[in-house]
């Protein structure tokens, strides 16, 4: 809970201390009503915070206390978290202390890239924003309308996720006020016409602003309200996207899409529209993945601790980067690691239950990835194979841990289009009888016609490196280097996946994108020219299916 305190002095210069705890170390940005500083925590060495210094009230009547009140009641991974609030000091300035987001605004990213962002990247950011708007507009205590969606208020963090910042003019609509229920605030060019002209707003006003952001990013920086010309985008998906943006920008709120959920579904459909059937070629990201196709891939470790969950997440992250929807699901009898890795106690959506996975309205989504993670101690009555069949994602990855000898695994393997097995260089684990039995089972499964592929995980240079690779039942399909321990620990303490660390993301790109390029023909902009040895296991799956 936020404590309302008094700042010791008017802060704002480097070295100033707020509340006896937060020392200003630099300036992050400045707007019309506030300045944001980077601050270090004197009680937690090494911890950084963003301190928003808000000027005395102007004609708007919006206060820092209002923004703190709004943010305090919200909890979503695409929002910053408020930790402290200081009411006006002697000079009339208020201070809001919140999570420091290491990233760049979408406006600055757009400018840095010369006014051109990949369409698929824009759509992925849009899907994430829709997920956030679904949360804000669907709160039980009443919807929150943000009212100021624009590129400068959208941060892209180090994990390539959106973060919506600056809730200074967000509000809850009052049902009894339908004529002019808010002061006319917002940014010209992005605010809905009804907000600028009459001060009226509801959830559809946010959808208009979302459409204005799409138009700005996809037109090279033009503002729709100034040019009033429709977008022109190539391809079936591009045409669908242009039509969606046109609906979002309708001057009449009743003719816009009804909800953020509707917009999110339309954006996903736009991603799917340009994916022709078949494989190969040199198309853009995800083009080779046919709409409607479903792949079920079982991922496990040859023994406990080999990296099954890490491998499943790594594959999902690279598929999502290519614009391919996927789901990562834990077997109900496997050790429930995923929930903790995802910081589930804080980030799992309200109402989420492992046993309800695959049902509309209860998904735990991260962009194009659906997480199906089991809380420690949570029971699951539905058999794993039924849950696997219920998942609607184009690619479903089932993490069985080291449970190859579980009673239901043979039935699951019969459903699988491929099996991926991780193993690391630990010779003690390789010698376990259970590991030998699992290897025998998997090779029998391979002989029966199901593709089985091994991943050499946590690869490090050592004298027995070649001997280790030769000890696999067959040549590894990919070699994934060891992730530095300090990166893993830092990610855990920050409540995020180590896969999203920029250095780890690059490592996984080098290790996995060669498979995916050969398999389904997508082209990642920063894909390396060299690829690890190994055959395309996804490619074989596609080649064998109608």
Protein backbone atom coordinates (compact mmCIF):
# COMPACT_ATOMS: atom_id res chain seq x y z
CA UNK A 1 0.00 0.00 0.00
CA UNK A 2 1.29 3.48 -0.79
CA UNK A 3 2.18 5.63 2.19
CA UNK A 4 1.42 9.32 1.78
CA UNK A 5 4.55 11.06 3.06
CA UNK A 6 6.19 14.43 2.74
CA UNK A 7 9.33 14.95 0.69
CA UNK A 8 12.08 16.60 2.70
CA UNK A 9 12.75 19.21 0.05
CA UNK A 10 11.82 20.19 -3.46
CA UNK A 11 13.68 17.58 -5.48
CA UNK A 12 14.79 17.68 -9.05
CA UNK A 13 18.54 18.12 -9.16
CA UNK A 14 21.11 15.34 -9.30
CA UNK A 15 21.95 14.25 -5.77
CA UNK A 16 18.65 15.41 -4.24
CA UNK A 17 17.06 12.86 -1.90
CA UNK A 18 13.30 12.29 -1.80
CA UNK A 19 11.72 10.97 1.36
CA UNK A 20 15.11 10.19 2.85
CA UNK A 21 15.42 7.18 0.53
CA UNK A 22 15.46 7.95 -3.20
CA UNK A 23 18.52 9.79 -4.56
CA UNK A 24 18.15 11.46 -7.97
CA UNK A 25 20.92 10.32 -10.36
CA UNK A 26 19.67 11.58 -13.71
CA UNK A 27 16.80 12.79 -15.85
CA UNK A 28 14.81 10.29 -17.95
CA UNK A 29 12.32 12.56 -19.68
CA UNK A 30 10.10 15.61 -19.45
CA UNK A 31 6.54 16.40 -20.47
CA UNK A 32 4.10 19.24 -20.15
CA UNK A 33 3.03 18.39 -16.60
CA UNK A 34 5.91 16.38 -15.17
CA UNK A 35 9.56 15.39 -15.24
CA UNK A 36 10.75 11.80 -14.73
CA UNK A 37 14.05 11.11 -12.99
CA UNK A 38 16.13 8.01 -12.43
CA UNK A 39 16.76 7.44 -8.73
CA UNK A 40 18.78 4.98 -6.68
CA UNK A 41 17.42 3.34 -3.55
CA UNK A 42 19.50 4.16 -0.47
CA UNK A 43 17.96 1.24 1.45
CA UNK A 44 18.37 -1.32 -1.34
CA UNK A 45 21.82 -0.79 -2.93
CA UNK A 46 21.77 -1.24 -6.68
CA UNK A 47 18.00 -0.88 -7.00
CA UNK A 48 16.78 1.79 -9.45
CA UNK A 49 13.42 3.58 -9.50
CA UNK A 50 11.66 6.09 -11.72
CA UNK A 51 10.57 9.20 -9.82
CA UNK A 52 7.92 11.32 -11.49
CA UNK A 53 7.99 14.93 -10.32
CA UNK A 54 4.59 16.47 -11.05
CA UNK A 55 4.11 20.20 -11.29
CA UNK A 56 1.49 22.11 -9.31
CA UNK A 57 -2.01 21.81 -10.69
CA UNK A 58 -2.82 23.62 -13.90
CA UNK A 59 -6.10 24.20 -15.69
CA UNK A 60 -6.73 20.47 -16.00
CA UNK A 61 -7.16 19.91 -12.27
CA UNK A 62 -5.37 16.57 -12.60
CA UNK A 63 -3.17 15.78 -9.60
CA UNK A 64 -0.37 13.38 -8.79
CA UNK A 65 -2.59 11.89 -6.10
CA UNK A 66 -5.09 10.99 -8.81
CA UNK A 67 -2.46 9.15 -10.85
CA UNK A 68 -1.20 7.36 -7.74
CA UNK A 69 -4.75 6.36 -6.82
CA UNK A 70 -5.37 4.90 -10.28
CA UNK A 71 -2.08 2.98 -10.49
CA UNK A 72 -2.30 1.67 -6.93
CA UNK A 73 -5.39 -0.34 -7.80
CA UNK A 74 -3.99 -1.81 -11.01
CA UNK A 75 -1.79 -4.88 -11.45
CA UNK A 76 -0.78 -5.98 -14.92
CA UNK A 77 2.60 -6.94 -16.42
CA UNK A 78 2.27 -4.19 -19.05
CA UNK A 79 1.92 -1.47 -16.38
CA UNK A 80 4.55 0.10 -14.11
CA UNK A 81 4.21 -0.64 -10.39
CA UNK A 82 3.93 2.27 -7.94
CA UNK A 83 5.86 1.91 -4.66
CA UNK A 84 5.71 5.37 -3.03
CA UNK A 85 3.87 8.68 -3.27
CA UNK A 86 4.79 12.05 -1.74
CA UNK A 87 2.14 14.81 -1.74
CA UNK A 88 3.02 18.40 -2.64
CA UNK A 89 6.17 19.79 -1.00
CA UNK A 90 6.90 23.41 -0.11
CA UNK A 91 7.16 24.30 -3.80
CA UNK A 92 3.95 22.46 -4.68
CA UNK A 93 5.60 19.52 -6.46
CA UNK A 94 4.36 15.95 -5.89
CA UNK A 95 6.50 12.85 -6.40
CA UNK A 96 5.47 9.43 -7.61
CA UNK A 97 7.99 6.60 -7.18
CA UNK A 98 7.49 3.63 -9.47
CA UNK A 99 9.18 0.73 -11.19
CA UNK A 100 11.97 1.77 -13.52
CA UNK A 101 11.34 0.36 -16.99
CA UNK A 102 14.58 -0.25 -18.85
CA UNK A 103 13.61 0.45 -22.43
CA UNK A 104 12.69 3.05 -25.03
CA UNK A 105 9.45 4.78 -25.90
CA UNK A 106 7.74 3.61 -29.06
CA UNK A 107 8.09 7.18 -30.36
CA UNK A 108 11.86 7.15 -29.95
CA UNK A 109 12.11 3.63 -31.38
CA UNK A 110 10.10 4.77 -34.40
CA UNK A 111 12.39 7.76 -34.90
CA UNK A 112 15.53 5.69 -34.39
CA UNK A 113 14.39 3.30 -37.14
CA UNK A 114 13.87 6.14 -39.58
CA UNK A 115 10.08 6.16 -39.33
CA UNK A 116 9.76 2.54 -40.46
CA UNK A 117 8.91 -0.37 -38.18
CA UNK A 118 8.15 -3.90 -39.43
CA UNK A 119 4.40 -4.37 -39.78
CA UNK A 120 4.53 -7.60 -37.80
CA UNK A 121 6.29 -5.83 -34.92
CA UNK A 122 3.61 -3.13 -34.89
CA UNK A 123 0.90 -5.79 -34.84
CA UNK A 124 2.62 -7.66 -31.98
CA UNK A 125 2.77 -4.47 -29.93
CA UNK A 126 -0.89 -3.87 -30.77
CA UNK A 127 -1.85 -7.33 -29.53
CA UNK A 128 -0.10 -6.64 -26.22
CA UNK A 129 -1.83 -3.26 -25.88
CA UNK A 130 -5.18 -4.93 -26.53
CA UNK A 131 -4.49 -7.42 -23.76
CA UNK A 132 -3.81 -4.51 -21.41
CA UNK A 133 -6.91 -2.62 -22.54
CA UNK A 134 -9.00 -5.76 -22.00
CA UNK A 135 -7.78 -5.73 -18.42
CA UNK A 136 -8.35 -1.99 -17.87
CA UNK A 137 -11.78 -1.95 -19.51
CA UNK A 138 -12.93 -5.14 -17.79
CA UNK A 139 -12.15 -4.36 -14.14
CA UNK A 140 -14.91 -5.51 -11.78
CA UNK A 141 -14.99 -2.21 -9.90
CA UNK A 142 -15.49 -0.35 -13.16
CA UNK A 143 -13.49 0.23 -16.37
CA UNK A 144 -10.47 2.50 -16.47
CA UNK A 145 -10.22 4.58 -19.65
CA UNK A 146 -6.61 5.59 -20.32
CA UNK A 147 -7.46 8.47 -22.72
CA UNK A 148 -3.90 9.26 -23.84
CA UNK A 149 -2.58 6.33 -25.87
CA UNK A 150 0.22 7.63 -28.09
CA UNK A 151 3.72 6.41 -29.05
CA UNK A 152 5.38 8.64 -26.45
CA UNK A 153 3.38 6.95 -23.66
CA UNK A 154 4.19 3.41 -24.78
CA UNK A 155 7.49 2.03 -23.53
CA UNK A 156 9.13 -1.00 -25.18
CA UNK A 157 11.12 -2.74 -22.47
CA UNK A 158 14.22 -4.91 -22.73
CA UNK A 159 12.02 -7.98 -23.22
CA UNK A 160 10.25 -6.36 -26.23
CA UNK A 161 7.04 -5.96 -24.23
CA UNK A 162 4.92 -2.83 -24.12
CA UNK A 163 4.54 -0.79 -20.92
CA UNK A 164 1.87 1.90 -20.81
CA UNK A 165 3.11 4.86 -18.80
CA UNK A 166 1.70 8.21 -17.58
CA UNK A 167 -1.76 7.62 -16.08
CA UNK A 168 -2.18 11.32 -15.29
CA UNK A 169 -5.49 11.66 -17.16
CA UNK A 170 -6.82 8.09 -16.88
CA UNK A 171 -10.27 7.89 -15.30
CA UNK A 172 -13.26 5.74 -14.49
CA UNK A 173 -16.36 6.84 -16.46
CA UNK A 174 -19.31 7.74 -14.28
CA UNK A 175 -22.44 5.98 -15.66
CA UNK A 176 -24.70 8.88 -14.68
CA UNK A 177 -22.55 11.39 -16.59
CA UNK A 178 -23.15 10.93 -20.29
CA UNK A 179 -22.98 14.44 -21.71
CA UNK A 180 -19.59 15.76 -20.60
CA UNK A 181 -18.11 13.43 -18.01
CA UNK A 182 -14.50 14.53 -18.27
CA UNK A 183 -12.39 17.55 -18.94
CA UNK A 184 -11.26 17.71 -22.57
CA UNK A 185 -7.75 16.30 -22.30
CA UNK A 186 -5.68 14.15 -24.60
CA UNK A 187 -3.14 14.60 -27.34
CA UNK A 188 -4.30 16.11 -30.62
CA UNK A 189 -3.77 13.58 -33.38
CA UNK A 190 -4.28 10.59 -31.07
CA UNK A 191 -7.24 11.52 -28.83
CA UNK A 192 -10.74 10.52 -29.95
CA UNK A 193 -12.89 13.28 -31.50
CA UNK A 194 -15.52 13.00 -28.75
CA UNK A 195 -12.85 13.57 -26.10
CA UNK A 196 -11.35 16.64 -27.73
CA UNK A 197 -14.64 18.21 -28.75
CA UNK A 198 -16.93 17.44 -25.81
CA UNK A 199 -14.84 15.90 -23.04
CA UNK A 200 -16.75 12.60 -23.38
CA UNK A 201 -14.89 9.28 -23.30
CA UNK A 202 -15.46 5.58 -22.82
CA UNK A 203 -13.54 2.42 -23.73
CA UNK A 204 -14.07 3.09 -27.45
CA UNK A 205 -12.10 6.32 -27.08
CA UNK A 206 -9.05 4.22 -26.20
CA UNK A 207 -9.70 2.07 -29.28
CA UNK A 208 -9.68 5.19 -31.47
CA UNK A 209 -6.32 6.20 -29.99
CA UNK A 210 -4.98 2.70 -30.66
CA UNK A 211 -6.05 3.07 -34.29
CA UNK A 212 -4.34 6.47 -34.46
CA UNK A 213 -1.11 4.89 -33.19
CA UNK A 214 -1.36 2.16 -35.84
CA UNK A 215 -1.92 4.76 -38.55
CA UNK A 216 1.02 6.87 -37.39
CA UNK A 217 3.45 3.93 -37.25
CA UNK A 218 2.32 2.33 -40.52
CA UNK A 219 2.16 5.52 -42.60
CA UNK A 220 5.67 6.76 -41.90
CA UNK A 221 4.61 9.22 -39.20
CA UNK A 222 1.49 10.81 -40.67
CA UNK A 223 -1.40 11.80 -38.38
CA UNK A 224 -4.79 10.55 -39.55
CA UNK A 225 -6.78 13.56 -38.30
CA UNK A 226 -4.57 15.80 -40.47
CA UNK A 227 -4.56 13.81 -43.73
CA UNK A 228 -7.86 11.85 -43.51
CA UNK A 229 -6.62 9.27 -46.03
CA UNK A 230 -6.93 5.48 -45.64
CA UNK A 231 -3.89 3.29 -45.18
CA UNK A 232 -2.60 1.26 -48.10
CA UNK A 233 -0.88 -1.98 -47.05
CA UNK A 234 0.12 -4.94 -49.23
CA UNK A 235 -1.04 -8.53 -48.87
CA UNK A 236 -4.23 -10.07 -47.52
CA UNK A 237 -3.13 -9.45 -43.94
CA UNK A 238 -2.14 -5.87 -44.79
CA UNK A 239 -5.51 -5.15 -46.36
CA UNK A 240 -7.30 -6.62 -43.33
CA UNK A 241 -5.13 -4.50 -41.04
CA UNK A 242 -5.87 -1.34 -43.03
CA UNK A 243 -9.62 -2.06 -42.80
CA UNK A 244 -9.33 -2.61 -39.05
CA UNK A 245 -7.48 0.70 -38.59
CA UNK A 246 -10.18 2.45 -40.62
CA UNK A 247 -12.87 1.06 -38.29
CA UNK A 248 -10.91 2.10 -35.22
CA UNK A 249 -10.62 5.66 -36.56
CA UNK A 250 -14.32 6.11 -37.27
CA UNK A 251 -15.53 9.45 -35.86
CA UNK A 252 -18.64 7.70 -34.54
CA UNK A 253 -17.83 5.57 -31.47
CA UNK A 254 -20.73 3.19 -32.14
CA UNK A 255 -19.15 2.15 -35.45
CA UNK A 256 -15.80 1.24 -33.97
CA UNK A 257 -15.03 -2.32 -32.80
CA UNK A 258 -16.92 -3.06 -29.62
CA UNK A 259 -14.01 -4.17 -27.44
CA UNK A 260 -10.26 -4.59 -27.17
CA UNK A 261 -10.82 -8.35 -27.29
CA UNK A 262 -12.43 -7.96 -30.72
CA UNK A 263 -9.48 -5.89 -31.92
CA UNK A 264 -6.97 -8.42 -30.54
CA UNK A 265 -8.71 -11.27 -32.40
CA UNK A 266 -8.66 -9.23 -35.61
CA UNK A 267 -4.93 -8.51 -35.21
CA UNK A 268 -4.15 -12.19 -34.72
CA UNK A 269 -6.17 -12.93 -37.87
CA UNK A 270 -4.08 -10.35 -39.75
CA UNK A 271 -0.92 -12.21 -38.74
CA UNK A 272 -2.40 -15.47 -39.99
CA UNK A 273 -3.73 -14.08 -43.27
CA UNK A 274 -0.38 -13.88 -45.06
CA UNK A 275 0.82 -17.37 -44.14
CA UNK A 276 0.40 -19.62 -47.19
CA UNK A 277 0.52 -23.37 -46.83
CA UNK A 278 3.72 -25.23 -47.53
CA UNK A 279 7.30 -24.75 -46.50
CA UNK A 280 10.53 -23.29 -47.81
CA UNK A 281 10.96 -20.08 -49.69
CA UNK A 282 12.34 -16.80 -48.48
CA UNK A 283 9.27 -15.05 -47.12
CA UNK A 284 8.75 -12.77 -44.18
CA UNK A 285 8.42 -13.91 -40.58
CA UNK A 286 5.95 -16.72 -40.13
CA UNK A 287 4.74 -16.82 -43.76
CA UNK A 288 5.28 -20.56 -44.07
CA UNK A 289 2.96 -21.47 -41.21
CA UNK A 290 -0.45 -22.31 -42.61
CA UNK A 291 -3.51 -20.97 -40.80
CA UNK A 292 -5.51 -23.75 -39.15
CA UNK A 293 -2.59 -26.15 -38.85
CA UNK A 294 -1.91 -27.56 -35.39
CA UNK A 295 1.35 -29.09 -34.23
CA UNK A 296 1.75 -30.90 -30.91
CA UNK A 297 5.32 -31.17 -29.70
CA UNK A 298 6.33 -33.01 -26.53
CA UNK A 299 9.40 -31.55 -24.81
CA UNK A 300 11.27 -33.23 -21.99
CA UNK A 301 14.62 -33.83 -20.40
CA UNK A 302 16.51 -37.08 -20.57
CA UNK A 303 16.69 -36.75 -16.77
CA UNK A 304 15.62 -34.25 -14.10
CA UNK A 305 17.33 -30.89 -14.43
CA UNK A 306 18.35 -31.30 -18.08
CA UNK A 307 16.49 -28.14 -19.14
CA UNK A 308 13.12 -29.32 -20.48
CA UNK A 309 11.23 -26.21 -19.37
CA UNK A 310 14.00 -23.90 -20.56
CA UNK A 311 13.94 -25.60 -23.98
CA UNK A 312 10.14 -25.43 -24.31
CA UNK A 313 10.13 -21.72 -23.47
CA UNK A 314 13.06 -21.06 -25.82
CA UNK A 315 11.27 -22.64 -28.78
CA UNK A 316 8.06 -20.75 -27.93
CA UNK A 317 9.88 -17.43 -27.75
CA UNK A 318 11.48 -17.88 -31.16
CA UNK A 319 8.17 -18.99 -32.72
CA UNK A 320 6.46 -15.93 -31.24
CA UNK A 321 9.23 -13.72 -32.64
CA UNK A 322 8.30 -15.13 -36.04
CA UNK A 323 4.64 -14.24 -35.50
CA UNK A 324 3.53 -17.83 -34.80
CA UNK A 325 1.09 -18.37 -31.93
CA UNK A 326 2.00 -21.11 -29.50
CA UNK A 327 1.26 -22.52 -26.06
CA UNK A 328 3.60 -23.95 -23.42
CA UNK A 329 1.86 -26.44 -21.14
CA UNK A 330 3.18 -28.41 -18.18
CA UNK A 331 2.26 -32.05 -17.67
CA UNK A 332 0.16 -32.28 -14.47
CA UNK A 333 2.61 -34.76 -12.93
CA UNK A 334 5.74 -32.77 -13.84
CA UNK A 335 7.43 -30.54 -11.29
CA UNK A 336 5.55 -27.19 -11.51
CA UNK A 337 8.46 -24.92 -12.43
CA UNK A 338 6.78 -22.71 -15.02
CA UNK A 339 4.43 -20.87 -12.65
CA UNK A 340 7.34 -19.69 -10.52
CA UNK A 341 9.52 -18.75 -13.49
CA UNK A 342 6.69 -16.59 -14.81
CA UNK A 343 6.22 -14.88 -11.43
CA UNK A 344 2.72 -16.32 -11.47
CA UNK A 345 1.59 -15.10 -8.06
CA UNK A 346 1.83 -11.55 -9.39
CA UNK A 347 1.38 -11.94 -13.14
CA UNK A 348 -1.19 -14.71 -13.64
CA UNK A 349 -4.49 -13.14 -14.77
CA UNK A 350 -7.47 -13.07 -12.45
CA UNK A 351 -9.46 -16.29 -12.64
CA UNK A 352 -6.64 -18.28 -14.23
CA UNK A 353 -6.64 -22.00 -13.41
CA UNK A 354 -4.48 -24.72 -14.91
CA UNK A 355 -7.47 -27.04 -15.22
CA UNK A 356 -9.36 -24.51 -17.36
CA UNK A 357 -6.60 -24.14 -19.95
CA UNK A 358 -7.88 -23.84 -23.48
CA UNK A 359 -11.23 -22.34 -22.51
CA UNK A 360 -12.01 -18.82 -23.79
CA UNK A 361 -11.67 -16.05 -21.24
CA UNK A 362 -9.22 -17.75 -18.89
CA UNK A 363 -6.05 -17.71 -21.00
CA UNK A 364 -2.76 -16.53 -19.57
CA UNK A 365 -1.22 -14.81 -22.57
CA UNK A 366 2.06 -13.07 -23.30
CA UNK A 367 1.70 -11.68 -26.80
CA UNK A 368 1.43 -14.71 -29.08
CA UNK A 369 2.32 -17.19 -26.31
CA UNK A 370 -0.21 -18.84 -24.01
CA UNK A 371 1.14 -20.16 -20.71
CA UNK A 372 -0.48 -23.23 -19.16
CA UNK A 373 1.34 -23.38 -15.84
CA UNK A 374 0.31 -25.30 -12.74
CA UNK A 375 0.46 -23.70 -9.31
CA UNK A 376 2.46 -25.74 -6.80
CA UNK A 377 -0.02 -28.05 -5.09
CA UNK A 378 -2.80 -27.47 -7.65
CA UNK A 379 -4.57 -30.65 -8.71
CA UNK A 380 -5.52 -31.37 -12.30
CA UNK A 381 -8.34 -33.81 -12.97
CA UNK A 382 -8.37 -33.63 -16.78
CA UNK A 383 -5.90 -36.08 -18.39
CA UNK A 384 -2.92 -34.40 -20.01
CA UNK A 385 -3.71 -35.74 -23.47
CA UNK A 386 -7.20 -34.22 -23.35
CA UNK A 387 -5.79 -30.87 -22.29
CA UNK A 388 -3.24 -31.05 -25.09
CA UNK A 389 -5.98 -31.66 -27.64
CA UNK A 390 -7.98 -28.71 -26.30
CA UNK A 391 -5.22 -26.15 -26.87
CA UNK A 392 -6.06 -24.09 -29.97
CA UNK A 393 -2.64 -22.50 -30.53
CA UNK A 394 -0.97 -23.33 -33.87
CA UNK A 395 1.91 -24.95 -31.95
CA UNK A 396 1.35 -26.61 -28.56
CA UNK A 397 4.46 -27.53 -26.56
CA UNK A 398 3.87 -30.01 -23.72
CA UNK A 399 6.61 -30.07 -21.08
CA UNK A 400 6.75 -33.53 -19.47
CA UNK A 401 9.92 -32.86 -17.49
CA UNK A 402 11.68 -36.19 -17.03
CA UNK A 403 8.37 -38.07 -16.85
CA UNK A 404 8.86 -40.32 -19.89
CA UNK A 405 7.93 -43.39 -17.84
CA UNK A 406 4.63 -41.98 -16.51
CA UNK A 407 1.57 -44.11 -17.27
CA UNK A 408 -0.08 -41.63 -19.63
CA UNK A 409 3.03 -40.64 -21.60
CA UNK A 410 2.71 -43.43 -24.21
CA UNK A 411 -0.76 -42.10 -25.13
CA UNK A 412 0.60 -38.56 -25.27
CA UNK A 413 3.46 -39.62 -27.53
CA UNK A 414 0.91 -41.15 -29.89
CA UNK A 415 -0.61 -37.67 -30.25
CA UNK A 416 2.74 -35.96 -30.72
CA UNK A 417 3.95 -34.68 -34.08
CA UNK A 418 7.48 -34.50 -32.68
CA UNK A 419 9.45 -35.10 -29.50
CA UNK A 420 12.28 -32.85 -28.36
CA UNK A 421 14.68 -34.13 -25.69
CA UNK A 422 17.17 -31.98 -23.78
CA UNK A 423 20.36 -33.21 -22.12
CA UNK A 424 23.34 -31.39 -20.63
CA UNK A 425 27.00 -32.40 -20.15
CA UNK A 426 26.55 -33.80 -16.61
CA UNK A 427 28.07 -37.36 -16.79
CA UNK A 428 26.51 -38.44 -13.49
CA UNK A 429 23.01 -37.90 -14.80
CA UNK A 430 23.81 -39.57 -18.11
CA UNK A 431 24.66 -42.73 -16.18
CA UNK A 432 21.32 -42.92 -14.33
CA UNK A 433 19.31 -46.11 -15.09
CA UNK A 434 16.18 -43.96 -15.59
CA UNK A 435 18.00 -41.93 -18.26
CA UNK A 436 18.97 -45.09 -20.12
CA UNK A 437 15.39 -46.39 -19.97
CA UNK A 438 14.06 -43.05 -21.21
CA UNK A 439 16.53 -43.05 -24.12
CA UNK A 440 15.48 -46.57 -25.09
CA UNK A 441 11.80 -45.61 -24.96
CA UNK A 442 12.38 -42.53 -27.11
CA UNK A 443 14.40 -44.37 -29.72
CA UNK A 444 11.67 -47.00 -29.98
CA UNK A 445 9.22 -44.18 -30.51
CA UNK A 446 11.47 -42.81 -33.25
CA UNK A 447 11.61 -46.21 -34.93
CA UNK A 448 7.79 -46.27 -34.94
CA UNK A 449 7.74 -43.13 -37.10
CA UNK A 450 7.55 -40.19 -34.68
CA UNK A 451 10.39 -37.65 -35.12
CA UNK A 452 12.57 -37.51 -32.00
CA UNK A 453 15.20 -34.79 -31.77
CA UNK A 454 17.86 -34.13 -29.14
CA UNK A 455 19.03 -30.73 -27.93
CA UNK A 456 22.51 -30.42 -26.45
CA UNK A 457 21.72 -27.98 -23.66
CA UNK A 458 24.09 -25.90 -21.49
CA UNK A 459 26.96 -26.47 -23.90
CA UNK A 460 30.32 -25.24 -22.60
CA UNK A 461 33.83 -25.79 -23.96
CA UNK A 462 35.65 -28.58 -22.08
CA UNK A 463 38.05 -31.43 -22.88
CA UNK A 464 35.24 -33.98 -23.29
CA UNK A 465 33.00 -31.76 -25.43
CA UNK A 466 33.20 -33.91 -28.58
CA UNK A 467 32.78 -37.10 -26.57
CA UNK A 468 29.66 -35.63 -24.96
CA UNK A 469 28.07 -34.82 -28.33
CA UNK A 470 28.93 -38.28 -29.64
CA UNK A 471 27.22 -39.90 -26.63
CA UNK A 472 23.74 -38.72 -27.70
CA UNK A 473 21.59 -41.50 -29.18
CA UNK A 474 21.85 -39.51 -32.41
CA UNK A 475 23.43 -36.27 -33.54
CA UNK A 476 21.87 -33.31 -31.66
CA UNK A 477 19.50 -31.20 -33.73
CA UNK A 478 20.74 -28.06 -31.98
CA UNK A 479 23.40 -26.95 -29.52
CA UNK A 480 22.34 -24.35 -26.95
CA UNK A 481 25.18 -22.67 -25.00
CA UNK A 482 25.14 -22.35 -21.22
CA UNK A 483 23.32 -19.25 -19.99
CA UNK A 484 25.52 -17.36 -17.49
CA UNK A 485 24.38 -18.13 -13.95
CA UNK A 486 24.28 -14.47 -12.94
CA UNK A 487 21.79 -13.72 -15.73
CA UNK A 488 19.50 -16.52 -14.55
CA UNK A 489 19.60 -15.36 -10.94
CA UNK A 490 19.00 -11.73 -11.91
CA UNK A 491 15.98 -12.72 -14.00
CA UNK A 492 14.51 -14.75 -11.13
CA UNK A 493 14.87 -11.87 -8.70
CA UNK A 494 13.29 -9.50 -11.20
CA UNK A 495 10.35 -11.83 -11.77
CA UNK A 496 10.98 -12.35 -15.47
CA UNK A 497 12.22 -15.03 -17.83
CA UNK A 498 15.93 -15.16 -18.55
CA UNK A 499 14.98 -15.86 -22.18
CA UNK A 500 14.04 -12.17 -22.47
CA UNK A 501 17.49 -10.92 -21.54
CA UNK A 502 18.95 -9.33 -24.71
CA UNK A 503 22.13 -11.45 -24.57
CA UNK A 504 20.18 -14.68 -24.02
CA UNK A 505 17.71 -13.77 -26.75
CA UNK A 506 20.61 -13.39 -29.18
CA UNK A 507 22.08 -16.74 -28.09
CA UNK A 508 18.75 -18.50 -28.64
CA UNK A 509 18.40 -16.82 -32.00
CA UNK A 510 21.73 -18.23 -33.12
CA UNK A 511 20.86 -21.70 -31.82
CA UNK A 512 17.26 -22.03 -33.00
CA UNK A 513 16.50 -19.78 -35.96
CA UNK A 514 18.39 -21.99 -38.37
CA UNK A 515 15.86 -24.75 -37.67
CA UNK A 516 12.89 -22.45 -38.06
CA UNK A 517 14.11 -20.81 -41.24
CA UNK A 518 14.61 -24.16 -42.95
CA UNK A 519 11.35 -25.51 -41.50
CA UNK A 520 8.79 -22.85 -42.26
CA UNK A 521 10.56 -20.25 -44.34
CA UNK A 522 10.48 -17.21 -42.10
CA UNK A 523 13.20 -14.60 -42.16
CA UNK A 524 14.22 -12.82 -38.96
CA UNK A 525 15.83 -9.44 -39.68
CA UNK A 526 18.84 -10.04 -37.43
CA UNK A 527 19.18 -13.75 -38.21
CA UNK A 528 22.84 -14.80 -38.33
CA UNK A 529 24.43 -15.99 -41.55
CA UNK A 530 25.72 -19.13 -39.87
CA UNK A 531 23.43 -21.75 -38.38
CA UNK A 532 24.17 -24.60 -35.96
CA UNK A 533 24.53 -28.05 -37.43
CA UNK A 534 21.46 -30.25 -37.42
CA UNK A 535 18.47 -31.09 -39.55
CA UNK A 536 15.20 -29.23 -39.44
CA UNK A 537 12.89 -31.17 -37.17
CA UNK A 538 9.96 -28.79 -37.71
CA UNK A 539 10.60 -28.97 -41.44
CA UNK A 540 10.23 -32.75 -41.40
CA UNK A 541 6.94 -32.42 -39.55
CA UNK A 542 5.55 -30.02 -42.12
CA UNK A 543 6.80 -32.10 -45.01
CA UNK A 544 5.01 -35.17 -43.64
CA UNK A 545 1.65 -33.49 -43.09
CA UNK A 546 -1.00 -32.61 -45.66
